[in-house]
Amino acid sequence: MGRVLLRILDRLEEILIASLMAAATLVIFVSVVHRYGTGVPFLYPYFIQLHISWAQELCIYMFVWMAKFGAAYGVRTGIHVGVDVLVNLLSPPRRRFVVLLSLMCGVLFTAVIGTMGLKFVMELYATDQVTADLEAPRWIVFSAIPAGSYLMCFRFLQVAYAFWKTGELPHHDESRVEGVEVDAAPDPQPSSSAGGAAR
């Protein structure tokens, strides 16, 4: 049951990030077309009636949400940049201790940021503050901070538990693209020159 819930959480995380990225790209594209389209005389009467001054603000908020949840995804998949030259020089017991300590520091940091963000959002909720262009409640926008931070905290705990049990950290293979399967290359045939040399 626990593994099923984790898989669901993983997929929801990926869907949210991909959806926000796609939506932000689409909104930016429409905004650019609108901006330059109004400079075309025969398009001006049509484009000037479209009011999309909110597009830039919406994209900023979508990128903030994408970054917060993308950071949690990075912890889970091991794509964050880390300098481990000195850590790898340590003996296995000391390396294990240092890695777990660093993961626990990540847990503490994200838990503090999430709690402070939650307090800030709860204070905003009690007000009627809205954003400048979208006029959306500001507490919804800033909910990205506690939501993303707590998810990242959970991912740190998840990685720390897996490392404590197996001694392995998540590793991202830069040569592999998710969803693309590459067949193994066939063994190269010995060249005729090599065969001739062997004779």
C-alpha atoms as a PDB file:
ATOM      1  CA  MET A   1       0.000   0.000   0.000  1.00  0.00           C
ATOM      2  CA  GLY A   2       2.797   2.384   0.931  1.00  0.00           C
ATOM      3  CA  ARG A   3       4.632   1.767  -2.341  1.00  0.00           C
ATOM      4  CA  VAL A   4       1.445   2.388  -4.313  1.00  0.00           C
ATOM      5  CA  LEU A   5       0.913   5.728  -2.557  1.00  0.00           C
ATOM      6  CA  LEU A   6       4.534   6.699  -3.187  1.00  0.00           C
ATOM      7  CA  ARG A   7       4.158   5.842  -6.875  1.00  0.00           C
ATOM      8  CA  ILE A   8       1.005   7.947  -7.046  1.00  0.00           C
ATOM      9  CA  LEU A   9       2.815  10.839  -5.350  1.00  0.00           C
ATOM     10  CA  ASP A  10       5.723  10.482  -7.786  1.00  0.00           C
ATOM     11  CA  ARG A  11       3.418  10.600 -10.807  1.00  0.00           C
ATOM     12  CA  LEU A  12       1.428  13.557  -9.426  1.00  0.00           C
ATOM     13  CA  GLU A  13       4.682  15.414  -8.817  1.00  0.00           C
ATOM     14  CA  GLU A  14       5.868  14.782 -12.372  1.00  0.00           C
ATOM     15  CA  ILE A  15       2.475  15.642 -13.905  1.00  0.00           C
ATOM     16  CA  LEU A  16       2.305  18.914 -11.967  1.00  0.00           C
ATOM     17  CA  ILE A  17       5.802  19.973 -13.030  1.00  0.00           C
ATOM     18  CA  ALA A  18       5.248  19.024 -16.684  1.00  0.00           C
ATOM     19  CA  SER A  19       1.807  20.685 -16.779  1.00  0.00           C
ATOM     20  CA  LEU A  20       3.111  23.921 -15.301  1.00  0.00           C
ATOM     21  CA  MET A  21       6.026  23.938 -17.741  1.00  0.00           C
ATOM     22  CA  ALA A  22       3.736  23.331 -20.730  1.00  0.00           C
ATOM     23  CA  ALA A  23       1.193  25.922 -19.583  1.00  0.00           C
ATOM     24  CA  ALA A  24       3.866  28.558 -18.932  1.00  0.00           C
ATOM     25  CA  THR A  25       5.387  27.956 -22.366  1.00  0.00           C
ATOM     26  CA  LEU A  26       1.967  28.288 -24.021  1.00  0.00           C
ATOM     27  CA  VAL A  27       1.107  31.485 -22.139  1.00  0.00           C
ATOM     28  CA  ILE A  28       4.468  33.053 -22.992  1.00  0.00           C
ATOM     29  CA  PHE A  29       4.022  32.102 -26.664  1.00  0.00           C
ATOM     30  CA  VAL A  30       0.544  33.644 -26.798  1.00  0.00           C
ATOM     31  CA  SER A  31       1.822  36.755 -25.026  1.00  0.00           C
ATOM     32  CA  VAL A  32       4.676  37.235 -27.503  1.00  0.00           C
ATOM     33  CA  VAL A  33       2.371  36.696 -30.501  1.00  0.00           C
ATOM     34  CA  HIS A  34      -0.077  39.202 -29.031  1.00  0.00           C
ATOM     35  CA  ARG A  35       2.650  41.755 -28.352  1.00  0.00           C
ATOM     36  CA  TYR A  36       4.058  41.672 -31.886  1.00  0.00           C
ATOM     37  CA  GLY A  37       0.686  41.098 -33.504  1.00  0.00           C
ATOM     38  CA  THR A  38      -0.592  44.443 -32.263  1.00  0.00           C
ATOM     39  CA  GLY A  39       2.201  46.056 -34.298  1.00  0.00           C
ATOM     40  CA  VAL A  40       0.761  44.647 -37.511  1.00  0.00           C
ATOM     41  CA  PRO A  41      -1.806  47.123 -38.910  1.00  0.00           C
ATOM     42  CA  PHE A  42      -4.433  44.617 -40.112  1.00  0.00           C
ATOM     43  CA  LEU A  43      -4.174  42.536 -36.899  1.00  0.00           C
ATOM     44  CA  TYR A  44      -4.273  45.512 -34.537  1.00  0.00           C
ATOM     45  CA  PRO A  45      -8.106  45.842 -34.374  1.00  0.00           C
ATOM     46  CA  TYR A  46      -8.403  42.175 -33.363  1.00  0.00           C
ATOM     47  CA  PHE A  47      -5.431  41.844 -31.035  1.00  0.00           C
ATOM     48  CA  ILE A  48      -6.042  45.088 -29.157  1.00  0.00           C
ATOM     49  CA  GLN A  49      -9.319  43.650 -27.874  1.00  0.00           C
ATOM     50  CA  LEU A  50      -7.474  40.814 -26.131  1.00  0.00           C
ATOM     51  CA  HIS A  51      -6.345  41.825 -22.659  1.00  0.00           C
ATOM     52  CA  ILE A  52      -3.555  39.541 -21.500  1.00  0.00           C
ATOM     53  CA  SER A  53      -1.580  41.901 -19.303  1.00  0.00           C
ATOM     54  CA  TRP A  54      -1.842  39.174 -16.629  1.00  0.00           C
ATOM     55  CA  ALA A  55       0.249  36.730 -18.667  1.00  0.00           C
ATOM     56  CA  GLN A  56       3.634  37.763 -17.270  1.00  0.00           C
ATOM     57  CA  GLU A  57       2.448  37.584 -13.669  1.00  0.00           C
ATOM     58  CA  LEU A  58       0.848  34.176 -14.231  1.00  0.00           C
ATOM     59  CA  CYS A  59       4.059  32.816 -15.772  1.00  0.00           C
ATOM     60  CA  ILE A  60       6.122  34.058 -12.838  1.00  0.00           C
ATOM     61  CA  TYR A  61       3.837  32.271 -10.378  1.00  0.00           C
ATOM     62  CA  MET A  62       3.815  29.091 -12.450  1.00  0.00           C
ATOM     63  CA  PHE A  63       7.615  29.087 -12.588  1.00  0.00           C
ATOM     64  CA  VAL A  64       7.760  29.563  -8.799  1.00  0.00           C
ATOM     65  CA  TRP A  65       5.509  26.531  -8.258  1.00  0.00           C
ATOM     66  CA  MET A  66       7.475  24.600 -10.849  1.00  0.00           C
ATOM     67  CA  ALA A  67      10.775  25.435  -9.129  1.00  0.00           C
ATOM     68  CA  LYS A  68       9.549  24.446  -5.662  1.00  0.00           C
ATOM     69  CA  PHE A  69       8.187  21.077  -6.782  1.00  0.00           C
ATOM     70  CA  GLY A  70      11.079  20.611  -9.189  1.00  0.00           C
ATOM     71  CA  ALA A  71      13.485  20.935  -6.262  1.00  0.00           C
ATOM     72  CA  ALA A  72      11.673  18.097  -4.473  1.00  0.00           C
ATOM     73  CA  TYR A  73      11.815  16.040  -7.679  1.00  0.00           C
ATOM     74  CA  GLY A  74      15.542  16.731  -7.839  1.00  0.00           C
ATOM     75  CA  VAL A  75      16.075  15.346  -4.341  1.00  0.00           C
ATOM     76  CA  ARG A  76      14.152  12.184  -5.210  1.00  0.00           C
ATOM     77  CA  THR A  77      15.998  11.535  -8.466  1.00  0.00           C
ATOM     78  CA  GLY A  78      19.460  12.771  -7.448  1.00  0.00           C
ATOM     79  CA  ILE A  79      19.790  15.483 -10.108  1.00  0.00           C
ATOM     80  CA  HIS A  80      20.895  18.228  -7.722  1.00  0.00           C
ATOM     81  CA  VAL A  81      24.512  19.259  -8.095  1.00  0.00           C
ATOM     82  CA  GLY A  82      26.655  18.060  -5.207  1.00  0.00           C
ATOM     83  CA  VAL A  83      30.373  18.315  -4.488  1.00  0.00           C
ATOM     84  CA  ASP A  84      31.409  14.988  -2.969  1.00  0.00           C
ATOM     85  CA  VAL A  85      35.137  14.836  -3.711  1.00  0.00           C
ATOM     86  CA  LEU A  86      36.177  15.034  -0.061  1.00  0.00           C
ATOM     87  CA  VAL A  87      33.257  12.894   1.127  1.00  0.00           C
ATOM     88  CA  ASN A  88      34.294  10.059  -1.182  1.00  0.00           C
ATOM     89  CA  LEU A  89      37.802  10.118   0.309  1.00  0.00           C
ATOM     90  CA  LEU A  90      36.436   9.233   3.752  1.00  0.00           C
ATOM     91  CA  SER A  91      36.245   5.713   5.080  1.00  0.00           C
ATOM     92  CA  PRO A  92      32.845   4.013   4.531  1.00  0.00           C
ATOM     93  CA  PRO A  93      31.598   4.499   8.133  1.00  0.00           C
ATOM     94  CA  ARG A  94      32.570   8.185   8.144  1.00  0.00           C
ATOM     95  CA  ARG A  95      31.159   8.738   4.667  1.00  0.00           C
ATOM     96  CA  ARG A  96      27.884   7.157   5.773  1.00  0.00           C
ATOM     97  CA  PHE A  97      27.738   9.473   8.792  1.00  0.00           C
ATOM     98  CA  VAL A  98      28.501  12.615   6.750  1.00  0.00           C
ATOM     99  CA  VAL A  99      25.945  11.762   4.068  1.00  0.00           C
ATOM    100  CA  LEU A 100      23.220  11.085   6.638  1.00  0.00           C
ATOM    101  CA  LEU A 101      24.139  14.296   8.480  1.00  0.00           C
ATOM    102  CA  SER A 102      23.860  16.326   5.275  1.00  0.00           C
ATOM    103  CA  LEU A 103      20.493  14.744   4.473  1.00  0.00           C
ATOM    104  CA  MET A 104      19.235  15.528   7.976  1.00  0.00           C
ATOM    105  CA  CYS A 105      20.390  19.131   7.518  1.00  0.00           C
ATOM    106  CA  GLY A 106      18.266  19.204   4.373  1.00  0.00           C
ATOM    107  CA  VAL A 107      15.326  17.844   6.366  1.00  0.00           C
ATOM    108  CA  LEU A 108      15.768  20.509   9.053  1.00  0.00           C
ATOM    109  CA  PHE A 109      16.203  23.376   6.584  1.00  0.00           C
ATOM    110  CA  THR A 110      13.174  22.507   4.451  1.00  0.00           C
ATOM    111  CA  ALA A 111      11.035  21.843   7.535  1.00  0.00           C
ATOM    112  CA  VAL A 112      11.895  25.298   8.914  1.00  0.00           C
ATOM    113  CA  ILE A 113      11.222  27.004   5.563  1.00  0.00           C
ATOM    114  CA  GLY A 114       7.962  25.078   5.181  1.00  0.00           C
ATOM    115  CA  THR A 115       6.790  25.990   8.688  1.00  0.00           C
ATOM    116  CA  MET A 116       7.671  29.664   8.272  1.00  0.00           C
ATOM    117  CA  GLY A 117       6.000  29.655   4.858  1.00  0.00           C
ATOM    118  CA  LEU A 118       2.878  28.033   6.301  1.00  0.00           C
ATOM    119  CA  LYS A 119       2.698  30.667   9.036  1.00  0.00           C
ATOM    120  CA  PHE A 120       3.037  33.402   6.411  1.00  0.00           C
ATOM    121  CA  VAL A 121       0.304  31.855   4.239  1.00  0.00           C
ATOM    122  CA  MET A 122      -2.054  31.533   7.212  1.00  0.00           C
ATOM    123  CA  GLU A 123      -1.533  35.215   7.987  1.00  0.00           C
ATOM    124  CA  LEU A 124      -2.215  36.091   4.345  1.00  0.00           C
ATOM    125  CA  TYR A 125      -5.361  33.967   4.368  1.00  0.00           C
ATOM    126  CA  ALA A 126      -6.841  36.219   7.049  1.00  0.00           C
ATOM    127  CA  THR A 127      -6.463  39.237   4.756  1.00  0.00           C
ATOM    128  CA  ASP A 128      -8.072  40.173   1.456  1.00  0.00           C
ATOM    129  CA  GLN A 129      -4.796  40.739  -0.378  1.00  0.00           C
ATOM    130  CA  VAL A 130      -4.813  39.873  -4.080  1.00  0.00           C
ATOM    131  CA  THR A 131      -2.172  39.906  -6.792  1.00  0.00           C
ATOM    132  CA  ALA A 132      -1.725  42.983  -8.985  1.00  0.00           C
ATOM    133  CA  ASP A 133      -2.840  41.708 -12.393  1.00  0.00           C
ATOM    134  CA  LEU A 134      -4.612  38.390 -11.846  1.00  0.00           C
ATOM    135  CA  GLU A 135      -6.345  39.617  -8.701  1.00  0.00           C
ATOM    136  CA  ALA A 136      -5.954  36.106  -7.305  1.00  0.00           C
ATOM    137  CA  PRO A 137      -5.743  35.611  -3.533  1.00  0.00           C
ATOM    138  CA  ARG A 138      -2.084  35.994  -2.568  1.00  0.00           C
ATOM    139  CA  TRP A 139      -2.264  33.123  -0.080  1.00  0.00           C
ATOM    140  CA  ILE A 140      -2.849  30.701  -2.956  1.00  0.00           C
ATOM    141  CA  VAL A 141       0.225  31.961  -4.793  1.00  0.00           C
ATOM    142  CA  PHE A 142       2.451  31.777  -1.730  1.00  0.00           C
ATOM    143  CA  SER A 143       1.185  28.304  -0.820  1.00  0.00           C
ATOM    144  CA  ALA A 144       3.950  27.057  -3.108  1.00  0.00           C
ATOM    145  CA  ILE A 145       6.460  27.743  -0.326  1.00  0.00           C
ATOM    146  CA  PRO A 146       5.058  25.446   2.384  1.00  0.00           C
ATOM    147  CA  ALA A 147       3.765  22.847  -0.085  1.00  0.00           C
ATOM    148  CA  GLY A 148       7.040  22.584  -2.004  1.00  0.00           C
ATOM    149  CA  SER A 149       9.214  22.793   1.110  1.00  0.00           C
ATOM    150  CA  TYR A 150       7.314  20.086   2.985  1.00  0.00           C
ATOM    151  CA  LEU A 151       7.404  17.830  -0.073  1.00  0.00           C
ATOM    152  CA  MET A 152      11.148  18.425  -0.343  1.00  0.00           C
ATOM    153  CA  CYS A 153      11.502  17.644   3.376  1.00  0.00           C
ATOM    154  CA  PHE A 154       9.674  14.366   2.798  1.00  0.00           C
ATOM    155  CA  ARG A 155      11.964  13.562  -0.124  1.00  0.00           C
ATOM    156  CA  PHE A 156      15.033  14.172   2.054  1.00  0.00           C
ATOM    157  CA  LEU A 157      13.612  11.778   4.645  1.00  0.00           C
ATOM    158  CA  GLN A 158      12.844   9.255   1.899  1.00  0.00           C
ATOM    159  CA  VAL A 159      16.397   9.429   0.515  1.00  0.00           C
ATOM    160  CA  ALA A 160      17.924   9.305   4.013  1.00  0.00           C
ATOM    161  CA  TYR A 161      15.916   6.190   4.897  1.00  0.00           C
ATOM    162  CA  ALA A 162      16.878   4.487   1.636  1.00  0.00           C
ATOM    163  CA  PHE A 163      20.551   5.371   2.195  1.00  0.00           C
ATOM    164  CA  TRP A 164      20.441   4.109   5.784  1.00  0.00           C
ATOM    165  CA  LYS A 165      18.956   0.802   4.584  1.00  0.00           C
ATOM    166  CA  THR A 166      20.959   0.234   1.396  1.00  0.00           C
ATOM    167  CA  GLY A 167      23.902   2.648   1.457  1.00  0.00           C
ATOM    168  CA  GLU A 168      22.850   3.921  -1.996  1.00  0.00           C
ATOM    169  CA  LEU A 169      21.932   7.456  -3.008  1.00  0.00           C
ATOM    170  CA  PRO A 170      19.678   8.228  -5.965  1.00  0.00           C
ATOM    171  CA  HIS A 171      21.807   8.761  -9.052  1.00  0.00           C
ATOM    172  CA  HIS A 172      20.844  10.507 -12.248  1.00  0.00           C
ATOM    173  CA  ASP A 173      22.249   9.083 -15.455  1.00  0.00           C
ATOM    174  CA  GLU A 174      22.816  12.051 -17.785  1.00  0.00           C
ATOM    175  CA  SER A 175      23.061   9.757 -20.808  1.00  0.00           C
ATOM    176  CA  ARG A 176      19.546   8.359 -20.298  1.00  0.00           C
ATOM    177  CA  VAL A 177      16.356  10.141 -21.258  1.00  0.00           C
ATOM    178  CA  GLU A 178      13.222   9.158 -19.333  1.00  0.00           C
ATOM    179  CA  GLY A 179      10.799   7.280 -21.568  1.00  0.00           C
ATOM    180  CA  VAL A 180      13.331   6.628 -24.326  1.00  0.00           C
ATOM    181  CA  GLU A 181      14.664   3.103 -24.565  1.00  0.00           C
ATOM    182  CA  VAL A 182      17.845   2.629 -26.560  1.00  0.00           C
ATOM    183  CA  ASP A 183      18.769  -0.834 -27.806  1.00  0.00           C
ATOM    184  CA  ALA A 184      22.229  -2.001 -26.901  1.00  0.00           C
ATOM    185  CA  ALA A 185      24.713  -1.374 -29.703  1.00  0.00           C
ATOM    186  CA  PRO A 186      25.822  -4.571 -31.465  1.00  0.00           C
ATOM    187  CA  ASP A 187      29.334  -5.787 -30.853  1.00  0.00           C
ATOM    188  CA  PRO A 188      31.658  -4.347 -33.482  1.00  0.00           C
ATOM    189  CA  GLN A 189      32.837  -6.906 -36.039  1.00  0.00           C
ATOM    190  CA  PRO A 190      36.585  -7.438 -36.168  1.00  0.00           C
ATOM    191  CA  SER A 191      38.070  -5.524 -39.071  1.00  0.00           C
ATOM    192  CA  SER A 192      39.559  -7.341 -42.028  1.00  0.00           C
ATOM    193  CA  SER A 193      42.928  -5.710 -41.396  1.00  0.00           C
ATOM    194  CA  ALA A 194      42.967  -7.087 -37.870  1.00  0.00           C
ATOM    195  CA  GLY A 195      42.057 -10.495 -39.234  1.00  0.00           C
ATOM    196  CA  GLY A 196      44.847 -10.274 -41.756  1.00  0.00           C
ATOM    197  CA  ALA A 197      47.329  -9.282 -39.097  1.00  0.00           C
ATOM    198  CA  ALA A 198      46.271 -12.258 -37.018  1.00  0.00           C
ATOM    199  CA  ARG A 199      47.098 -14.600 -39.890  1.00  0.00           C
END
